[in-house]
């Protein structure tokens, strides 16, 4: 029986060819039978939200066109039937980068991801109802009463809407009278909010808690520091109070309520163009047209309606208009005390600031969160001057103002000891009229342990002069000659001034030994003290490297 075969017997009286044809038809029927449609399931509204905002990797902050991005994590629940189904996540950010989306918590994983491109809009309603009935309501010119009747949509919305009514074919809003269309249902696939969907498979079905995580375009943040100079001490040490705010912008049309909010400071290596990858869905508007011949409906002569005036631009935040160089500090600070403050954490070589309480990231809005509040930061006031071979050269009787700088160390001993993200600085000084604005500056990222400098203003007391004397000394062969510079610094104030004279980069020039000469941040500088009412003169020999 090793070579036995199993043969299906053919009933007597049956043509073998007929049986074969029947088998082929049955096989074709099975192959061509449509696959069972997937059940469409809507995920719940988010029960948990986390929004992590990254700065524009190319720098700058534009609240009207933010160049940063955010990582959004949404926790939702979903009830799946047995078999394959499509899960819809409605209300995702319109700037969603769909290729970055990850859904976790599903037993069958993800089969396919889709970003729905069609939003609910007047044009989408008309296109989705093409060939179906709507209700048109308009005013009877004879009675002045509204009348409604059924009509069939016969054209798409991009070339004017034509309806078929009991009176024939007519164009919408061409009668010169008020008209409106009423749609009984919303066509399939349309949503008022952007939708992200995935196809999945579950053998048994059940209810699951899932997490949708994705990147989104249209976010950004920046830091801003409010610094108030305090009274110095007899040792010449200067003190300041520093309060800093994180300003967040969300340019998407979706809000994220009661979200865990985090911001990341540092420069990321970003290769992708997130703006192009986002491709937000758009709601198309109606394009109504009328033809100036005859009459397409009962009413006045046929003319198109004049275009509606453009709506005023949405206000994202109150603007501050500076009308002078001295402004009251109250214009910059909040009237309420700081109640919520972001805490600092490490994220590799980056810094992460976490807001300890849930925050609503409002659609098309700005939000400010405090992250730094130091009552007594110790530093010193430095007057910075410059004199080098290729810089500005003054005449013998010309002096220019030195730059006044507040300098401190970013450590706990000086009253700081926290990472300082790059941002703007506004500096105030007490006076009889209250705290007045004395300067503004931009600072880079300062980690803990680095020296921090804030430019305040051009000095009105300390002035500098720089000139070439014309003295030259021959140098050894193949080396540049030594040239002499004369620098002078005057102090007309009532107290001595700490002066830093920068001569040039150490990679460009060589400087002969001079009293007070040192290297600082890659530059040759002379640090000295100039007494009240004094003038100091320096003769400096330099040569090119």
Protein backbone atom coordinates (compact mmCIF):
# COMPACT_ATOMS: atom_id res chain seq x y z
CA UNK A 1 0.00 0.00 0.00
CA UNK A 2 2.99 2.22 -0.25
CA UNK A 3 1.80 3.65 -3.57
CA UNK A 4 -1.89 3.96 -2.66
CA UNK A 5 -3.76 7.12 -3.82
CA UNK A 6 -6.83 8.86 -2.47
CA UNK A 7 -9.20 9.64 -5.37
CA UNK A 8 -12.48 11.52 -5.04
CA UNK A 9 -15.07 9.44 -6.87
CA UNK A 10 -17.08 11.10 -9.63
CA UNK A 11 -20.80 10.37 -9.33
CA UNK A 12 -22.12 8.14 -12.00
CA UNK A 13 -23.70 10.01 -14.88
CA UNK A 14 -21.55 13.13 -14.28
CA UNK A 15 -19.35 14.50 -17.02
CA UNK A 16 -15.80 14.82 -15.64
CA UNK A 17 -15.30 18.09 -17.59
CA UNK A 18 -18.44 19.55 -16.05
CA UNK A 19 -17.22 18.65 -12.60
CA UNK A 20 -13.88 20.33 -13.34
CA UNK A 21 -15.59 23.50 -14.56
CA UNK A 22 -17.74 23.59 -11.42
CA UNK A 23 -14.64 23.27 -9.22
CA UNK A 24 -12.89 26.11 -11.07
CA UNK A 25 -15.92 28.37 -10.75
CA UNK A 26 -16.11 27.67 -7.03
CA UNK A 27 -12.40 28.48 -6.61
CA UNK A 28 -12.77 31.73 -8.56
CA UNK A 29 -15.77 32.68 -6.47
CA UNK A 30 -13.76 32.19 -3.28
CA UNK A 31 -10.81 34.20 -4.62
CA UNK A 32 -12.95 37.08 -5.90
CA UNK A 33 -15.12 37.29 -2.75
CA UNK A 34 -14.48 40.67 -1.03
CA UNK A 35 -12.64 40.68 2.25
CA UNK A 36 -14.77 41.40 5.27
CA UNK A 37 -14.84 45.15 5.97
CA UNK A 38 -12.94 46.19 9.08
CA UNK A 39 -14.99 47.54 11.96
CA UNK A 40 -14.27 51.21 12.65
CA UNK A 41 -13.71 51.97 16.32
CA UNK A 42 -13.25 55.42 17.86
CA UNK A 43 -10.71 55.72 20.64
CA UNK A 44 -11.84 57.65 23.69
CA UNK A 45 -10.87 61.22 24.45
CA UNK A 46 -7.38 61.41 25.99
CA UNK A 47 -7.35 60.50 29.66
CA UNK A 48 -3.69 61.45 29.99
CA UNK A 49 -1.54 63.94 28.04
CA UNK A 50 2.16 64.82 28.04
CA UNK A 51 3.59 67.59 25.83
CA UNK A 52 7.37 67.96 25.52
CA UNK A 53 8.38 71.08 23.56
CA UNK A 54 11.72 71.45 21.75
CA UNK A 55 13.11 74.78 20.59
CA UNK A 56 13.64 75.72 16.96
CA UNK A 57 16.89 73.85 16.15
CA UNK A 58 17.98 76.71 13.89
CA UNK A 59 17.49 79.41 16.52
CA UNK A 60 15.14 82.33 16.79
CA UNK A 61 11.63 82.57 18.21
CA UNK A 62 8.69 83.62 16.04
CA UNK A 63 5.34 83.33 17.75
CA UNK A 64 3.49 83.82 14.45
CA UNK A 65 5.46 81.08 12.68
CA UNK A 66 7.09 78.85 15.32
CA UNK A 67 9.91 76.65 14.06
CA UNK A 68 10.14 74.23 16.98
CA UNK A 69 8.28 70.99 17.53
CA UNK A 70 6.77 68.87 20.30
CA UNK A 71 6.53 65.23 21.27
CA UNK A 72 2.93 64.51 22.30
CA UNK A 73 1.89 61.42 24.21
CA UNK A 74 -1.83 60.64 24.58
CA UNK A 75 -3.33 57.88 26.73
CA UNK A 76 -6.73 56.65 25.48
CA UNK A 77 -8.97 53.60 25.90
CA UNK A 78 -10.40 51.54 23.05
CA UNK A 79 -12.78 48.58 22.82
CA UNK A 80 -11.96 46.25 19.92
CA UNK A 81 -14.09 43.53 18.33
CA UNK A 82 -12.61 40.15 17.50
CA UNK A 83 -10.74 40.17 14.19
CA UNK A 84 -9.40 43.16 12.25
CA UNK A 85 -10.54 46.71 12.97
CA UNK A 86 -9.62 50.36 12.31
CA UNK A 87 -9.01 52.61 15.31
CA UNK A 88 -9.62 56.35 14.86
CA UNK A 89 -7.79 58.86 17.07
CA UNK A 90 -9.72 62.08 16.64
CA UNK A 91 -8.34 65.44 17.77
CA UNK A 92 -4.61 64.91 17.18
CA UNK A 93 -2.52 68.00 16.45
CA UNK A 94 -2.92 69.33 12.93
CA UNK A 95 0.88 69.60 12.73
CA UNK A 96 1.22 65.87 13.43
CA UNK A 97 4.13 64.13 11.71
CA UNK A 98 2.34 60.88 10.94
CA UNK A 99 5.47 58.87 10.12
CA UNK A 100 6.69 59.40 13.69
CA UNK A 101 3.52 58.02 15.33
CA UNK A 102 3.76 54.96 17.59
CA UNK A 103 0.80 53.19 19.22
CA UNK A 104 1.58 50.91 22.16
CA UNK A 105 -0.68 48.72 24.27
CA UNK A 106 -2.45 46.80 21.48
CA UNK A 107 -2.29 42.99 21.59
CA UNK A 108 -2.06 42.69 17.79
CA UNK A 109 0.19 45.66 17.09
CA UNK A 110 -0.25 47.93 14.07
CA UNK A 111 -0.95 46.66 10.54
CA UNK A 112 -1.20 50.01 8.77
CA UNK A 113 -1.17 53.73 9.69
CA UNK A 114 -3.20 56.46 7.97
CA UNK A 115 -3.54 60.22 8.34
CA UNK A 116 -6.98 61.40 7.31
CA UNK A 117 -6.56 64.39 5.02
CA UNK A 118 -10.19 65.57 4.79
CA UNK A 119 -11.58 67.90 7.45
CA UNK A 120 -15.21 68.81 7.92
CA UNK A 121 -15.81 72.01 5.94
CA UNK A 122 -18.55 73.54 3.74
CA UNK A 123 -16.85 72.26 0.58
CA UNK A 124 -16.33 68.77 2.02
CA UNK A 125 -20.01 68.61 3.06
CA UNK A 126 -21.14 69.44 -0.47
CA UNK A 127 -18.71 67.03 -2.14
CA UNK A 128 -19.65 64.24 0.25
CA UNK A 129 -23.36 64.76 -0.44
CA UNK A 130 -23.05 64.79 -4.24
CA UNK A 131 -26.11 63.05 -5.71
CA UNK A 132 -27.94 63.01 -2.37
CA UNK A 133 -30.69 65.16 -0.92
CA UNK A 134 -30.31 68.28 1.19
CA UNK A 135 -32.79 70.84 2.47
CA UNK A 136 -32.63 74.36 1.04
CA UNK A 137 -34.28 77.15 3.02
CA UNK A 138 -34.78 80.60 1.52
CA UNK A 139 -36.99 83.66 1.75
CA UNK A 140 -40.05 83.97 -0.50
CA UNK A 141 -39.82 87.47 -2.03
CA UNK A 142 -43.62 87.73 -2.19
CA UNK A 143 -44.41 86.81 1.43
CA UNK A 144 -41.11 87.46 3.19
CA UNK A 145 -41.42 84.06 4.86
CA UNK A 146 -38.81 81.29 4.91
CA UNK A 147 -39.67 78.25 2.83
CA UNK A 148 -37.86 74.90 2.76
CA UNK A 149 -37.82 72.14 0.17
CA UNK A 150 -35.78 69.08 -0.74
CA UNK A 151 -33.08 69.33 -3.42
CA UNK A 152 -30.40 67.08 -4.90
CA UNK A 153 -26.76 68.21 -5.05
CA UNK A 154 -25.66 67.89 -8.68
CA UNK A 155 -22.18 69.52 -8.73
CA UNK A 156 -19.07 69.65 -6.56
CA UNK A 157 -18.20 72.70 -4.50
CA UNK A 158 -15.22 73.96 -6.51
CA UNK A 159 -17.16 75.49 -9.40
CA UNK A 160 -20.40 76.75 -7.88
CA UNK A 161 -23.16 74.58 -6.37
CA UNK A 162 -26.04 73.52 -8.63
CA UNK A 163 -29.13 71.93 -7.08
CA UNK A 164 -31.98 70.06 -8.70
CA UNK A 165 -35.28 71.21 -7.17
CA UNK A 166 -38.90 70.82 -8.13
CA UNK A 167 -38.46 73.92 -10.32
CA UNK A 168 -35.44 72.58 -12.18
CA UNK A 169 -31.72 73.30 -11.86
CA UNK A 170 -30.48 76.39 -10.07
CA UNK A 171 -27.30 77.74 -8.53
CA UNK A 172 -27.04 78.33 -4.80
CA UNK A 173 -26.98 81.93 -3.53
CA UNK A 174 -27.66 83.47 -6.89
CA UNK A 175 -31.15 84.79 -6.16
CA UNK A 176 -30.02 87.79 -4.15
CA UNK A 177 -32.02 86.52 -1.15
CA UNK A 178 -30.86 84.75 2.03
CA UNK A 179 -30.41 81.01 1.48
CA UNK A 180 -29.05 78.16 3.55
CA UNK A 181 -28.46 74.46 3.06
CA UNK A 182 -29.18 71.86 5.75
CA UNK A 183 -27.42 68.50 5.65
CA UNK A 184 -29.07 65.61 7.49
CA UNK A 185 -25.87 63.66 8.09
CA UNK A 186 -22.11 64.12 7.94
CA UNK A 187 -20.55 62.12 5.09
CA UNK A 188 -18.34 59.23 6.07
CA UNK A 189 -14.68 60.03 6.65
CA UNK A 190 -15.19 63.69 7.67
CA UNK A 191 -14.31 65.06 11.08
CA UNK A 192 -14.15 68.53 12.56
CA UNK A 193 -10.74 67.64 14.06
CA UNK A 194 -7.71 65.97 12.45
CA UNK A 195 -7.85 62.17 12.65
CA UNK A 196 -5.09 59.58 12.80
CA UNK A 197 -6.12 55.96 12.26
CA UNK A 198 -4.46 52.55 12.39
CA UNK A 199 -5.49 49.05 11.36
CA UNK A 200 -5.00 46.32 13.95
CA UNK A 201 -6.00 42.73 14.69
CA UNK A 202 -7.26 41.18 17.94
CA UNK A 203 -8.16 37.49 18.07
CA UNK A 204 -10.53 37.75 21.02
CA UNK A 205 -11.50 41.41 21.30
CA UNK A 206 -11.52 43.47 24.49
CA UNK A 207 -10.95 46.87 26.07
CA UNK A 208 -7.40 48.23 26.21
CA UNK A 209 -5.56 51.33 27.37
CA UNK A 210 -3.26 52.48 24.56
CA UNK A 211 -0.69 55.24 24.21
CA UNK A 212 -0.30 57.28 21.02
CA UNK A 213 3.03 59.11 20.78
CA UNK A 214 4.01 61.38 17.90
CA UNK A 215 5.95 64.48 16.90
CA UNK A 216 4.12 67.62 15.86
CA UNK A 217 5.18 70.78 14.09
CA UNK A 218 4.06 74.26 15.21
CA UNK A 219 5.50 74.61 18.74
CA UNK A 220 8.35 76.60 20.25
CA UNK A 221 9.56 78.13 23.49
CA UNK A 222 12.05 80.67 24.76
CA UNK A 223 13.37 81.90 28.09
CA UNK A 224 13.35 85.48 29.30
CA UNK A 225 15.12 86.82 32.39
CA UNK A 226 13.98 89.78 34.49
CA UNK A 227 17.07 91.04 36.37
CA UNK A 228 16.97 93.81 38.97
CA UNK A 229 20.25 95.24 40.23
CA UNK A 230 20.41 95.56 44.03
CA UNK A 231 22.63 97.61 46.31
CA UNK A 232 26.30 96.61 46.24
CA UNK A 233 28.57 96.26 49.26
CA UNK A 234 31.78 97.99 50.31
CA UNK A 235 33.91 95.27 48.71
CA UNK A 236 32.61 96.21 45.28
CA UNK A 237 30.40 93.16 44.97
CA UNK A 238 27.17 93.70 43.08
CA UNK A 239 23.92 91.83 43.79
CA UNK A 240 20.91 91.20 41.60
CA UNK A 241 17.50 89.55 41.73
CA UNK A 242 16.69 87.23 38.82
CA UNK A 243 13.27 85.96 37.75
CA UNK A 244 12.89 83.95 34.55
CA UNK A 245 9.91 82.82 32.50
CA UNK A 246 9.49 80.16 29.85
CA UNK A 247 7.25 81.43 27.06
CA UNK A 248 5.54 78.61 25.15
CA UNK A 249 3.71 78.90 21.85
CA UNK A 250 1.28 76.43 20.25
CA UNK A 251 0.35 77.35 16.69
CA UNK A 252 -1.91 74.32 16.23
CA UNK A 253 -5.70 74.65 16.33
CA UNK A 254 -5.91 71.97 19.04
CA UNK A 255 -5.61 72.53 22.78
CA UNK A 256 -4.03 70.04 25.16
CA UNK A 257 -5.93 70.24 28.44
CA UNK A 258 -4.40 69.34 31.79
CA UNK A 259 -1.20 68.09 30.17
CA UNK A 260 2.10 67.23 31.78
CA UNK A 261 4.30 69.94 30.30
CA UNK A 262 8.04 69.63 29.69
CA UNK A 263 10.52 71.74 27.70
CA UNK A 264 13.97 70.68 26.51
CA UNK A 265 16.94 73.05 26.39
CA UNK A 266 19.94 72.38 24.19
CA UNK A 267 20.67 71.92 20.51
CA UNK A 268 19.43 68.74 18.86
CA UNK A 269 20.84 67.30 15.66
CA UNK A 270 17.73 67.49 13.46
CA UNK A 271 18.08 66.29 9.86
CA UNK A 272 14.40 66.15 8.85
CA UNK A 273 12.26 69.07 7.72
CA UNK A 274 9.39 68.57 10.15
CA UNK A 275 7.33 71.34 8.55
CA UNK A 276 7.21 69.50 5.22
CA UNK A 277 6.56 66.15 6.88
CA UNK A 278 3.60 67.50 8.85
CA UNK A 279 1.24 68.30 5.93
CA UNK A 280 -1.72 69.39 8.09
CA UNK A 281 -5.22 68.61 6.76
CA UNK A 282 -7.20 71.56 5.49
CA UNK A 283 -10.87 72.40 5.28
CA UNK A 284 -11.70 73.74 1.82
CA UNK A 285 -14.03 76.72 1.50
CA UNK A 286 -16.93 77.02 -0.92
CA UNK A 287 -16.42 78.70 -4.27
CA UNK A 288 -19.86 80.01 -5.27
CA UNK A 289 -20.37 81.41 -8.76
CA UNK A 290 -23.27 83.00 -10.54
CA UNK A 291 -23.85 83.50 -14.26
CA UNK A 292 -25.25 86.94 -15.23
CA UNK A 293 -27.93 85.57 -17.56
CA UNK A 294 -31.54 84.91 -16.72
CA UNK A 295 -32.59 83.81 -13.28
CA UNK A 296 -31.75 80.52 -11.57
CA UNK A 297 -34.28 80.96 -8.74
CA UNK A 298 -37.22 83.11 -7.77
CA UNK A 299 -36.01 86.45 -6.51
CA UNK A 300 -34.09 89.53 -7.55
CA UNK A 301 -31.79 89.83 -10.62
CA UNK A 302 -28.78 87.54 -10.54
CA UNK A 303 -25.56 88.98 -9.21
CA UNK A 304 -22.86 87.42 -7.04
CA UNK A 305 -22.63 88.48 -3.43
CA UNK A 306 -19.76 90.83 -2.60
CA UNK A 307 -16.95 89.06 -0.79
CA UNK A 308 -17.18 89.13 2.99
CA UNK A 309 -14.61 91.29 4.76
CA UNK A 310 -11.62 89.39 6.08
CA UNK A 311 -11.83 88.63 9.80
CA UNK A 312 -9.42 90.48 12.06
CA UNK A 313 -6.28 88.52 12.92
CA UNK A 314 -6.55 86.49 16.11
CA UNK A 315 -4.76 88.06 19.04
CA UNK A 316 -2.36 85.56 20.58
CA UNK A 317 -1.23 87.80 23.41
CA UNK A 318 -1.21 91.43 24.43
CA UNK A 319 1.65 93.36 22.85
CA UNK A 320 4.03 95.57 24.83
CA UNK A 321 4.94 98.81 23.05
CA UNK A 322 8.18 100.44 24.17
CA UNK A 323 7.96 104.21 23.85
CA UNK A 324 11.21 105.06 25.60
CA UNK A 325 14.44 103.59 26.84
CA UNK A 326 13.28 103.77 30.45
CA UNK A 327 10.15 101.77 31.27
CA UNK A 328 8.52 100.83 34.54
CA UNK A 329 9.34 97.30 35.66
CA UNK A 330 5.63 96.59 36.25
CA UNK A 331 5.14 96.43 32.49
CA UNK A 332 7.24 93.26 32.38
CA UNK A 333 6.31 91.42 35.58
CA UNK A 334 3.11 89.60 36.40
CA UNK A 335 0.94 91.18 39.07
CA UNK A 336 0.40 87.80 40.72
CA UNK A 337 3.08 85.92 42.69
CA UNK A 338 4.86 82.95 41.13
CA UNK A 339 2.77 79.88 42.06
CA UNK A 340 4.01 77.22 39.63
CA UNK A 341 7.70 76.80 38.81
CA UNK A 342 9.34 74.33 36.44
CA UNK A 343 11.97 72.00 37.87
CA UNK A 344 15.22 71.04 36.16
CA UNK A 345 16.24 67.49 35.17
CA UNK A 346 19.05 65.97 33.09
CA UNK A 347 18.29 64.47 29.69
CA UNK A 348 21.64 63.21 28.46
CA UNK A 349 23.63 66.32 27.58
CA UNK A 350 20.39 68.29 27.33
CA UNK A 351 18.36 69.90 30.10
CA UNK A 352 14.71 69.20 30.73
CA UNK A 353 12.39 71.51 32.66
CA UNK A 354 9.25 69.86 34.04
CA UNK A 355 6.19 71.81 35.23
CA UNK A 356 5.02 70.15 38.47
CA UNK A 357 1.29 70.75 37.88
CA UNK A 358 -0.97 69.96 34.89
CA UNK A 359 -1.02 72.80 32.37
CA UNK A 360 -3.39 73.54 29.49
CA UNK A 361 -1.45 74.27 26.30
CA UNK A 362 -3.99 76.46 24.56
CA UNK A 363 -4.61 76.35 20.81
CA UNK A 364 -3.15 79.31 18.93
CA UNK A 365 -1.87 80.73 22.18
CA UNK A 366 1.04 81.67 24.39
CA UNK A 367 1.69 80.54 27.94
CA UNK A 368 4.32 81.59 30.45
CA UNK A 369 5.72 79.40 33.22
CA UNK A 370 8.29 80.52 35.81
CA UNK A 371 11.40 78.35 36.16
CA UNK A 372 13.91 80.57 38.00
CA UNK A 373 13.47 82.85 41.01
CA UNK A 374 16.69 83.93 42.76
CA UNK A 375 16.55 86.75 45.29
CA UNK A 376 20.28 87.46 45.67
CA UNK A 377 22.74 86.67 42.90
CA UNK A 378 26.27 87.88 43.66
CA UNK A 379 28.47 89.26 40.90
CA UNK A 380 30.37 92.39 39.92
CA UNK A 381 30.12 95.24 37.46
CA UNK A 382 32.83 95.20 34.78
CA UNK A 383 33.61 97.91 32.25
CA UNK A 384 34.78 96.32 29.02
CA UNK A 385 36.94 98.15 26.48
CA UNK A 386 38.77 96.97 23.37
CA UNK A 387 42.02 97.89 21.65
CA UNK A 388 43.49 95.81 18.82
CA UNK A 389 45.35 96.21 15.56
CA UNK A 390 42.30 95.89 13.36
CA UNK A 391 39.59 97.44 15.51
CA UNK A 392 38.40 101.01 15.81
CA UNK A 393 41.18 103.60 16.11
CA UNK A 394 40.38 106.95 17.77
CA UNK A 395 42.01 110.31 17.22
CA UNK A 396 44.09 111.68 20.09
CA UNK A 397 41.18 113.67 21.50
CA UNK A 398 38.44 111.07 20.91
CA UNK A 399 37.14 108.68 23.51
CA UNK A 400 34.34 106.12 23.23
CA UNK A 401 32.15 104.67 25.99
CA UNK A 402 33.07 101.36 27.60
CA UNK A 403 30.45 98.60 27.86
CA UNK A 404 28.97 98.00 31.32
CA UNK A 405 28.60 94.27 32.13
CA UNK A 406 27.16 92.35 35.06
CA UNK A 407 29.35 89.28 35.58
CA UNK A 408 28.68 86.32 37.86
CA UNK A 409 29.37 82.59 38.23
CA UNK A 410 26.62 80.05 37.64
CA UNK A 411 27.04 78.18 40.92
CA UNK A 412 25.33 78.02 44.30
CA UNK A 413 28.08 80.08 45.95
CA UNK A 414 27.03 83.04 43.78
CA UNK A 415 23.30 82.39 44.28
CA UNK A 416 22.57 80.49 41.04
CA UNK A 417 23.60 76.89 40.37
CA UNK A 418 20.96 76.05 37.74
CA UNK A 419 21.12 75.68 33.96
CA UNK A 420 20.26 78.91 32.16
CA UNK A 421 18.71 78.37 28.70
CA UNK A 422 19.40 80.95 26.03
CA UNK A 423 16.98 83.85 25.87
CA UNK A 424 16.45 87.54 26.36
CA UNK A 425 17.42 89.53 29.44
CA UNK A 426 15.75 92.71 30.68
CA UNK A 427 17.67 94.62 33.36
CA UNK A 428 16.25 97.16 35.81
CA UNK A 429 17.89 99.43 38.35
CA UNK A 430 16.27 101.01 41.43
CA UNK A 431 15.76 104.78 41.40
CA UNK A 432 13.68 107.42 43.14
CA UNK A 433 11.01 106.83 40.50
CA UNK A 434 11.05 103.08 41.07
CA UNK A 435 12.78 100.31 39.13
CA UNK A 436 13.68 101.62 35.67
CA UNK A 437 14.89 99.81 32.56
CA UNK A 438 18.63 100.23 31.93
CA UNK A 439 19.37 97.56 29.32
CA UNK A 440 18.43 94.48 27.34
CA UNK A 441 20.59 91.61 26.14
CA UNK A 442 20.54 88.06 24.75
CA UNK A 443 22.42 85.25 26.48
CA UNK A 444 23.42 81.80 25.21
CA UNK A 445 22.92 78.52 27.06
CA UNK A 446 24.91 78.56 30.31
CA UNK A 447 25.40 75.23 32.14
CA UNK A 448 26.23 75.08 35.83
CA UNK A 449 29.78 76.19 36.62
CA UNK A 450 30.29 78.65 33.78
CA UNK A 451 30.86 82.37 33.98
CA UNK A 452 27.80 84.41 33.00
CA UNK A 453 27.90 87.87 31.48
CA UNK A 454 24.98 90.23 30.85
CA UNK A 455 25.54 93.39 28.82
CA UNK A 456 23.77 96.29 30.50
CA UNK A 457 24.48 99.54 28.64
CA UNK A 458 27.16 101.86 27.35
CA UNK A 459 28.83 103.55 30.27
CA UNK A 460 28.39 107.26 30.95
CA UNK A 461 31.36 107.33 33.32
CA UNK A 462 34.10 105.11 31.89
CA UNK A 463 35.54 105.88 28.43
CA UNK A 464 38.27 104.35 26.33
CA UNK A 465 40.72 105.37 23.61
CA UNK A 466 42.81 103.21 21.29
CA UNK A 467 45.46 104.35 18.78
CA UNK A 468 48.50 103.04 16.91
CA UNK A 469 51.66 104.90 17.95
CA UNK A 470 53.54 104.08 14.78
CA UNK A 471 56.38 102.46 16.71
CA UNK A 472 57.60 99.24 15.04
CA UNK A 473 60.27 96.77 16.12
CA UNK A 474 61.82 94.37 13.66
CA UNK A 475 61.06 90.77 14.44
CA UNK A 476 63.09 87.68 13.75
CA UNK A 477 63.08 86.27 10.22
CA UNK A 478 59.74 85.06 8.85
CA UNK A 479 57.83 86.58 11.76
CA UNK A 480 55.63 89.66 11.73
CA UNK A 481 57.02 92.88 13.18
CA UNK A 482 56.00 94.07 16.64
CA UNK A 483 53.66 97.08 16.58
CA UNK A 484 52.80 99.36 19.45
CA UNK A 485 49.26 100.28 20.56
CA UNK A 486 48.34 102.99 23.04
CA UNK A 487 45.18 102.46 25.08
CA UNK A 488 43.75 104.89 27.59
CA UNK A 489 40.84 104.48 30.02
CA UNK A 490 39.25 107.31 32.03
CA UNK A 491 36.85 107.10 34.95
CA UNK A 492 34.78 110.17 35.75
CA UNK A 493 32.70 108.38 38.38
CA UNK A 494 32.88 108.78 42.14
CA UNK A 495 33.96 105.14 42.70
CA UNK A 496 36.74 103.02 41.26
CA UNK A 497 35.86 100.90 38.22
CA UNK A 498 36.96 97.38 37.30
CA UNK A 499 38.08 97.51 33.66
CA UNK A 500 38.73 94.67 31.24
CA UNK A 501 40.69 95.70 28.13
CA UNK A 502 40.49 93.14 25.33
CA UNK A 503 43.45 93.19 22.92
CA UNK A 504 42.63 90.39 20.48
CA UNK A 505 42.18 86.65 20.01
CA UNK A 506 45.08 84.47 21.07
CA UNK A 507 44.74 82.55 17.81
CA UNK A 508 45.42 85.74 15.80
CA UNK A 509 48.02 87.77 17.68
CA UNK A 510 50.84 87.50 20.18
CA UNK A 511 51.22 90.05 23.01
CA UNK A 512 54.33 90.95 24.97
CA UNK A 513 54.12 90.53 28.69
CA UNK A 514 52.19 93.44 30.21
CA UNK A 515 51.05 94.01 33.79
CA UNK A 516 47.58 92.53 34.28
CA UNK A 517 47.72 90.52 31.04
CA UNK A 518 45.89 87.17 31.01
CA UNK A 519 44.05 84.80 28.73
CA UNK A 520 40.27 84.75 29.06
CA UNK A 521 37.90 82.78 26.80
CA UNK A 522 40.56 82.58 24.10
CA UNK A 523 41.41 86.29 24.13
CA UNK A 524 44.28 88.43 25.47
CA UNK A 525 42.88 90.82 28.10
CA UNK A 526 44.25 93.26 30.65
CA UNK A 527 42.25 93.49 33.86
CA UNK A 528 42.85 96.49 36.07
CA UNK A 529 41.16 98.95 38.40
CA UNK A 530 40.78 102.63 37.48
CA UNK A 531 40.21 104.93 40.42
CA UNK A 532 37.59 107.64 40.64
CA UNK A 533 38.58 110.61 38.47
CA UNK A 534 41.68 108.81 37.16
CA UNK A 535 43.04 107.98 33.70
CA UNK A 536 45.14 104.88 32.99
CA UNK A 537 47.38 104.51 29.94
CA UNK A 538 48.73 101.25 28.47
CA UNK A 539 51.48 100.76 25.85
CA UNK A 540 51.03 97.33 24.30
CA UNK A 541 53.28 95.52 21.81
CA UNK A 542 51.50 93.03 19.52
CA UNK A 543 52.26 91.08 16.37
CA UNK A 544 50.37 88.77 14.06
CA UNK A 545 50.79 85.02 14.41
